[in-house]
Amino acid sequence: MVQYLTDRVSVESLPKLKPDDGSAYPTSYDELKSPNNPVQLEDGSLRPANGSVSAYSWENLGMLTHIAAVGTVYGTVSGVIYSVLNNYLHMSTTLVATATALVTFPRALRIFTGMLTDTCPIFGYRRRPYMIIGWSLSFISCLLMAALPLGDPYYGDPSLSDIALVDMTPEQLATLNADAPSRGVKLIILMMIANFGSVMAYSGFNGALMDASQREPEATRGTLIGDVIVIHYVFMVVSSFMTGIGLNGEDYGGTFSWTMGFNAVMWVCAAASFLTIPFSWYCVQEVKNERAQMPILPFL
C-alpha cells in the first residue's frame, strides 16, 4: 500500500530546483520558445531580419560604393605598374617584378585583417571603423600620387625606346633622363599602402556582407553577394579601360597622341576612396556590440 501511494504522489509536491540567480522558472510556453518570434525565420533566413537586404537600398548602398571603389583602386593600381614604372620611368625588369609582388602582397594579409575586425572592435563596432580606416589610408596614398609631380619620362624622345643604348649617338644619350627610374620607388610604396588600405576596408566589408546575406530569405539567398560581385567586376573593367586607354600615350609606351596622365588617373582613385568613407559609416548596417575585445590566439 505504501508503494502505491509513493507512485501516485503529485508532481507538485516534489522538491523544485531554482535557477542560480534566484529567479522563478518560466511558467508558459511563450516564455520558453525559441526564437521569440518564429515568423521571422519562416522564410528560411539564417538570422532574423534587421532591415533591408537589398544591395540597392539606402541601408546597404555603402556596400556597393565600397566594392566599386575596390574595383577602381585595385584595378587602376595594378594596371599602371607596366605603363608607368616600366615604360614611363624605365625601371629595371627586376624592380618592376618586385613592384608587382609588393603591390599585390597586401591581399595575402586578408586573413589577418579579417581576424582583426572580428576580435578587436572599435567603440563597439567591428566593421565600419575598419572600412573607414582602410579607405582613409587609400585616399591619402592616392592623393599623394595625384599631387606629387611624376617628372619627365626616361625617354625625352619616345622614338628612341626601340633603340638599344649601345647604338645611340651621344646626342641621343643626352636626351635620356637617367634620374627617372629612381622616382619609381616612392610610387611602389604608395601603391602598396593604397592596396593595403583597400584590403583592410574589404575585411570589414566582408563581415558586414556575410551578416546581411544570412538575413536573406532562402528563396533569394545569394542575391546580395551576386549584386556585389557584378558591381566589382564592372568597375574593374572601367579601371582597365581607364588605364589602358588613358595611359596609352607615347610617353607610356603607346601610340595615342593624347593621354590622361598618371596624376589624373590617381585623382580618380583618390576621389573614389574619399567618397566611400561617409558611405561606409552611414550606409552599412551594423549593430553596436558591447562584447569585450577577444584575444587573437584563442580566436585561432
Protein backbone atom coordinates (compact mmCIF):
# COMPACT_ATOMS: atom_id res chain seq x y z
CA MET A 1 0.00 0.00 0.00
CA VAL A 2 2.82 2.42 0.82
CA GLN A 3 4.44 1.60 -2.51
CA TYR A 4 1.25 2.54 -4.37
CA LEU A 5 0.95 5.84 -2.51
CA THR A 6 4.54 6.74 -3.35
CA ASP A 7 3.95 6.11 -7.04
CA ARG A 8 0.90 8.38 -7.06
CA VAL A 9 2.48 11.36 -5.34
CA SER A 10 1.67 14.55 -7.25
CA VAL A 11 4.46 16.20 -9.19
CA GLU A 12 3.55 19.46 -7.49
CA SER A 13 4.68 18.03 -4.14
CA LEU A 14 8.18 17.14 -5.36
CA PRO A 15 11.08 19.45 -4.41
CA LYS A 16 11.84 22.09 -7.04
CA LEU A 17 15.23 23.47 -8.01
CA LYS A 18 15.53 27.19 -8.65
CA PRO A 19 17.86 28.97 -11.06
CA ASP A 20 21.16 30.16 -9.63
CA ASP A 21 20.08 33.79 -9.85
CA GLY A 22 17.04 33.14 -7.68
CA SER A 23 14.53 34.00 -10.41
CA ALA A 24 11.44 31.92 -10.98
CA TYR A 25 11.13 29.35 -13.71
CA PRO A 26 9.11 30.30 -16.82
CA THR A 27 5.52 29.19 -16.44
CA SER A 28 4.33 29.31 -20.05
CA TYR A 29 5.46 28.17 -23.47
CA ASP A 30 5.68 31.77 -24.72
CA GLU A 31 8.49 32.38 -22.23
CA LEU A 32 10.38 29.24 -23.26
CA LYS A 33 10.05 29.13 -27.04
CA SER A 34 12.98 29.98 -29.28
CA PRO A 35 13.23 32.04 -31.38
CA ASN A 36 10.93 34.51 -29.68
CA ASN A 37 9.22 35.32 -32.97
CA PRO A 38 9.40 32.26 -35.25
CA VAL A 39 7.62 34.14 -38.02
CA GLN A 40 10.88 35.97 -38.67
CA LEU A 41 12.57 32.75 -39.73
CA GLU A 42 9.68 31.14 -41.61
CA ASP A 43 11.15 32.43 -44.88
CA GLY A 44 14.26 30.32 -44.36
CA SER A 45 16.63 33.13 -43.39
CA LEU A 46 19.51 32.13 -41.15
CA ARG A 47 19.15 35.23 -38.96
CA PRO A 48 16.22 37.49 -38.09
CA ALA A 49 15.79 40.44 -40.43
CA ASN A 50 17.43 43.67 -39.31
CA GLY A 51 16.49 45.97 -42.16
CA SER A 52 16.60 45.73 -45.91
CA VAL A 53 18.72 43.02 -47.54
CA SER A 54 18.68 44.62 -50.98
CA ALA A 55 22.05 45.83 -52.22
CA TYR A 56 20.34 48.85 -53.81
CA SER A 57 18.63 50.10 -50.65
CA TRP A 58 19.98 53.12 -48.81
CA GLU A 59 20.90 50.92 -45.83
CA ASN A 60 23.26 48.81 -47.95
CA LEU A 61 24.39 51.35 -50.52
CA GLY A 62 27.72 51.59 -48.72
CA MET A 63 28.48 48.02 -49.77
CA LEU A 64 28.09 48.85 -53.44
CA THR A 65 30.10 52.04 -53.04
CA HIS A 66 32.84 50.09 -51.28
CA ILE A 67 33.09 47.31 -53.84
CA ALA A 68 33.05 49.85 -56.69
CA ALA A 69 35.96 51.67 -55.06
CA VAL A 70 37.83 48.38 -54.60
CA GLY A 71 37.45 47.64 -58.30
CA THR A 72 38.59 51.14 -59.19
CA VAL A 73 41.60 51.37 -56.87
CA TYR A 74 42.90 47.83 -57.18
CA GLY A 75 42.30 47.66 -60.93
CA THR A 76 43.99 51.00 -61.51
CA VAL A 77 46.98 50.42 -59.25
CA SER A 78 47.60 47.03 -60.84
CA GLY A 79 47.20 48.49 -64.33
CA VAL A 80 49.64 51.39 -64.02
CA ILE A 81 52.64 49.29 -62.99
CA TYR A 82 53.66 48.40 -66.54
CA SER A 83 52.81 51.65 -68.28
CA VAL A 84 54.29 53.94 -65.61
CA LEU A 85 57.12 52.01 -63.97
CA ASN A 86 58.30 50.04 -66.98
CA ASN A 87 57.62 52.42 -69.87
CA TYR A 88 57.49 55.97 -68.49
CA LEU A 89 60.18 55.67 -65.80
CA HIS A 90 62.04 52.79 -67.46
CA MET A 91 62.73 50.91 -64.23
CA SER A 92 64.60 47.62 -64.46
CA THR A 93 62.72 44.40 -65.06
CA THR A 94 63.66 43.19 -61.58
CA LEU A 95 62.20 46.29 -59.92
CA VAL A 96 59.02 46.07 -61.98
CA ALA A 97 58.58 42.43 -60.94
CA THR A 98 59.26 43.42 -57.33
CA ALA A 99 56.69 46.20 -57.58
CA THR A 100 54.08 43.76 -58.88
CA ALA A 101 54.73 41.42 -55.95
CA LEU A 102 54.70 44.20 -53.34
CA VAL A 103 51.53 45.83 -54.66
CA THR A 104 49.62 42.53 -54.61
CA PHE A 105 51.13 41.34 -51.31
CA PRO A 106 48.54 43.05 -49.04
CA ARG A 107 45.87 40.74 -50.48
CA ALA A 108 47.66 37.86 -48.74
CA LEU A 109 47.06 39.61 -45.41
CA ARG A 110 43.28 39.43 -45.61
CA ILE A 111 43.11 36.51 -43.18
CA PHE A 112 44.89 38.61 -40.54
CA THR A 113 42.91 41.79 -41.17
CA GLY A 114 39.77 39.66 -41.04
CA MET A 115 40.76 38.29 -37.63
CA LEU A 116 41.50 41.84 -36.51
CA THR A 117 37.99 43.02 -37.36
CA ASP A 118 36.44 40.00 -35.62
CA THR A 119 38.44 40.24 -32.40
CA CYS A 120 39.14 43.95 -31.88
CA PRO A 121 36.01 46.12 -32.08
CA ILE A 122 36.48 49.88 -32.13
CA PHE A 123 33.93 51.71 -29.94
CA GLY A 124 31.73 48.63 -30.15
CA TYR A 125 31.81 48.34 -33.96
CA ARG A 126 33.76 45.66 -35.79
CA ARG A 127 33.08 46.52 -39.43
CA ARG A 128 32.52 50.18 -40.21
CA PRO A 129 35.56 51.64 -38.36
CA TYR A 130 37.93 49.34 -40.24
CA MET A 131 36.32 50.29 -43.52
CA ILE A 132 36.85 53.96 -42.73
CA ILE A 133 40.47 53.41 -41.63
CA GLY A 134 41.22 51.42 -44.76
CA TRP A 135 39.72 53.93 -47.17
CA SER A 136 41.44 56.78 -45.36
CA LEU A 137 44.80 55.07 -45.97
CA SER A 138 43.92 54.51 -49.59
CA PHE A 139 42.76 58.10 -50.03
CA ILE A 140 45.94 59.58 -48.55
CA SER A 141 48.16 57.36 -50.71
CA CYS A 142 46.26 58.08 -53.92
CA LEU A 143 46.14 61.79 -53.09
CA LEU A 144 49.92 61.90 -52.72
CA MET A 145 50.41 60.09 -56.02
CA ALA A 146 47.99 62.50 -57.67
CA ALA A 147 49.56 65.65 -56.20
CA LEU A 148 53.25 64.80 -56.47
CA PRO A 149 54.68 65.52 -59.93
CA LEU A 150 55.76 62.44 -61.84
CA GLY A 151 58.58 64.27 -63.58
CA ASP A 152 59.88 63.90 -67.10
CA PRO A 153 59.90 60.46 -68.75
CA TYR A 154 63.07 58.46 -69.25
CA TYR A 155 62.95 58.92 -73.00
CA GLY A 156 62.81 62.59 -73.95
CA ASP A 157 62.16 61.39 -77.49
CA PRO A 158 59.73 58.42 -77.41
CA SER A 159 61.07 57.15 -80.73
CA LEU A 160 64.33 56.22 -79.01
CA SER A 161 62.65 53.50 -76.94
CA ASP A 162 63.24 50.98 -79.76
CA ILE A 163 66.97 51.71 -79.97
CA ALA A 164 69.49 49.96 -77.72
CA LEU A 165 71.69 52.19 -75.59
CA VAL A 166 74.86 50.92 -77.27
CA ASP A 167 73.51 52.02 -80.65
CA MET A 168 72.61 55.57 -79.61
CA THR A 169 74.64 58.59 -80.54
CA PRO A 170 75.97 60.95 -77.85
CA GLU A 171 73.25 63.44 -78.80
CA GLN A 172 70.56 60.81 -78.29
CA LEU A 173 72.04 59.69 -74.98
CA ALA A 174 71.93 63.28 -73.78
CA THR A 175 68.13 63.31 -74.14
CA LEU A 176 67.68 60.42 -71.68
CA ASN A 177 66.53 61.20 -68.14
CA ALA A 178 68.76 58.99 -66.01
CA ASP A 179 67.04 60.08 -62.77
CA ALA A 180 63.62 58.81 -63.85
CA PRO A 181 63.95 55.19 -62.58
CA SER A 182 64.79 56.33 -59.03
CA ARG A 183 61.44 58.15 -58.75
CA GLY A 184 59.55 54.88 -59.00
CA VAL A 185 60.47 53.65 -55.52
CA LYS A 186 58.16 56.08 -53.72
CA LEU A 187 55.37 55.16 -56.14
CA ILE A 188 55.76 51.48 -55.31
CA ILE A 189 55.45 52.24 -51.58
CA LEU A 190 52.39 54.43 -52.06
CA MET A 191 50.73 51.86 -54.32
CA MET A 192 51.31 49.16 -51.71
CA ILE A 193 49.79 51.34 -48.95
CA ALA A 194 46.80 52.17 -51.15
CA ASN A 195 46.19 48.49 -51.82
CA PHE A 196 46.63 47.61 -48.14
CA GLY A 197 44.01 50.21 -47.26
CA SER A 198 41.52 48.65 -49.65
CA VAL A 199 42.31 45.20 -48.19
CA MET A 200 41.65 46.40 -44.63
CA ALA A 201 38.41 48.03 -45.74
CA TYR A 202 37.45 44.83 -47.56
CA SER A 203 37.84 42.78 -44.38
CA GLY A 204 35.34 44.96 -42.54
CA PHE A 205 33.03 44.97 -45.55
CA ASN A 206 33.16 41.19 -45.90
CA GLY A 207 31.92 40.68 -42.35
CA ALA A 208 29.02 43.07 -42.90
CA LEU A 209 28.22 41.36 -46.21
CA MET A 210 28.08 37.90 -44.62
CA ASP A 211 25.83 39.20 -41.85
CA ALA A 212 23.42 40.77 -44.34
CA SER A 213 23.41 37.77 -46.67
CA GLN A 214 22.42 35.45 -43.81
CA ARG A 215 19.32 37.58 -43.30
CA GLU A 216 18.13 36.99 -46.86
CA PRO A 217 15.13 34.68 -47.35
CA GLU A 218 16.03 31.21 -48.57
CA ALA A 219 14.34 31.80 -51.93
CA THR A 220 16.56 34.78 -52.75
CA ARG A 221 19.67 33.98 -50.73
CA GLY A 222 22.82 34.88 -52.64
CA THR A 223 21.28 37.83 -54.47
CA LEU A 224 23.14 40.38 -52.35
CA ILE A 225 26.51 38.70 -52.91
CA GLY A 226 25.77 38.32 -56.62
CA ASP A 227 24.95 42.02 -57.00
CA VAL A 228 28.14 42.97 -55.17
CA ILE A 229 30.28 40.74 -57.41
CA VAL A 230 28.71 42.21 -60.56
CA ILE A 231 29.45 45.78 -59.45
CA HIS A 232 33.01 44.79 -58.52
CA TYR A 233 33.82 43.43 -61.96
CA VAL A 234 32.06 46.27 -63.76
CA PHE A 235 34.35 48.77 -62.09
CA MET A 236 37.36 46.52 -62.64
CA VAL A 237 36.58 46.72 -66.36
CA VAL A 238 36.14 50.50 -66.13
CA SER A 239 39.51 50.90 -64.41
CA SER A 240 41.16 48.66 -67.01
CA PHE A 241 39.77 50.85 -69.79
CA MET A 242 40.91 53.96 -67.95
CA THR A 243 44.49 52.75 -67.63
CA GLY A 244 44.59 51.02 -70.99
CA ILE A 245 43.25 53.97 -72.97
CA GLY A 246 44.11 56.90 -70.71
CA LEU A 247 47.75 55.84 -70.36
CA ASN A 248 48.34 54.87 -73.98
CA GLY A 249 50.28 57.96 -74.99
CA GLU A 250 53.76 57.78 -76.49
CA ASP A 251 55.46 58.52 -73.16
CA TYR A 252 53.70 55.50 -71.65
CA GLY A 253 54.66 53.12 -74.45
CA GLY A 254 51.50 53.59 -76.51
CA THR A 255 50.61 55.19 -79.81
CA PHE A 256 47.97 57.77 -78.88
CA SER A 257 48.68 61.45 -79.40
CA TRP A 258 46.92 62.30 -76.12
CA THR A 259 46.94 60.88 -72.60
CA MET A 260 45.16 61.34 -69.28
CA GLY A 261 48.43 61.19 -67.41
CA PHE A 262 49.30 59.27 -64.28
CA ASN A 263 48.32 62.10 -61.95
CA ALA A 264 44.82 62.38 -63.43
CA VAL A 265 44.29 58.64 -63.04
CA MET A 266 45.32 58.84 -59.39
CA TRP A 267 42.91 61.74 -58.84
CA VAL A 268 40.12 59.37 -59.90
CA CYS A 269 41.30 56.78 -57.36
CA ALA A 270 41.59 59.42 -54.63
CA ALA A 271 38.06 60.63 -55.34
CA ALA A 272 36.68 57.07 -55.26
CA SER A 273 38.40 56.40 -51.92
CA PHE A 274 37.23 59.67 -50.38
CA LEU A 275 33.59 59.27 -51.44
CA THR A 276 33.47 55.79 -49.95
CA ILE A 277 34.37 56.98 -46.44
CA PRO A 278 30.99 58.55 -45.49
CA PHE A 279 29.08 55.76 -47.23
CA SER A 280 30.99 53.23 -45.13
CA TRP A 281 29.53 54.72 -41.96
CA TYR A 282 26.04 55.86 -42.89
CA CYS A 283 25.06 53.21 -45.46
CA VAL A 284 26.32 49.96 -43.92
CA GLN A 285 24.16 48.08 -41.40
CA GLU A 286 25.89 47.20 -38.16
CA VAL A 287 24.55 46.91 -34.62
CA LYS A 288 26.83 48.13 -31.85
CA ASN A 289 28.29 45.19 -29.96
CA GLU A 290 29.13 45.58 -26.29
CA ARG A 291 31.24 42.42 -26.26
CA ALA A 292 34.75 42.99 -24.96
CA GLN A 293 37.81 42.59 -27.11
CA MET A 294 38.68 38.95 -27.79
CA PRO A 295 42.32 37.77 -27.70
CA ILE A 296 43.54 36.70 -31.12
CA LEU A 297 45.30 33.47 -30.05
CA PRO A 298 42.15 31.82 -28.57
CA PHE A 299 40.31 33.00 -31.70
CA LEU A 300 42.73 30.94 -33.81
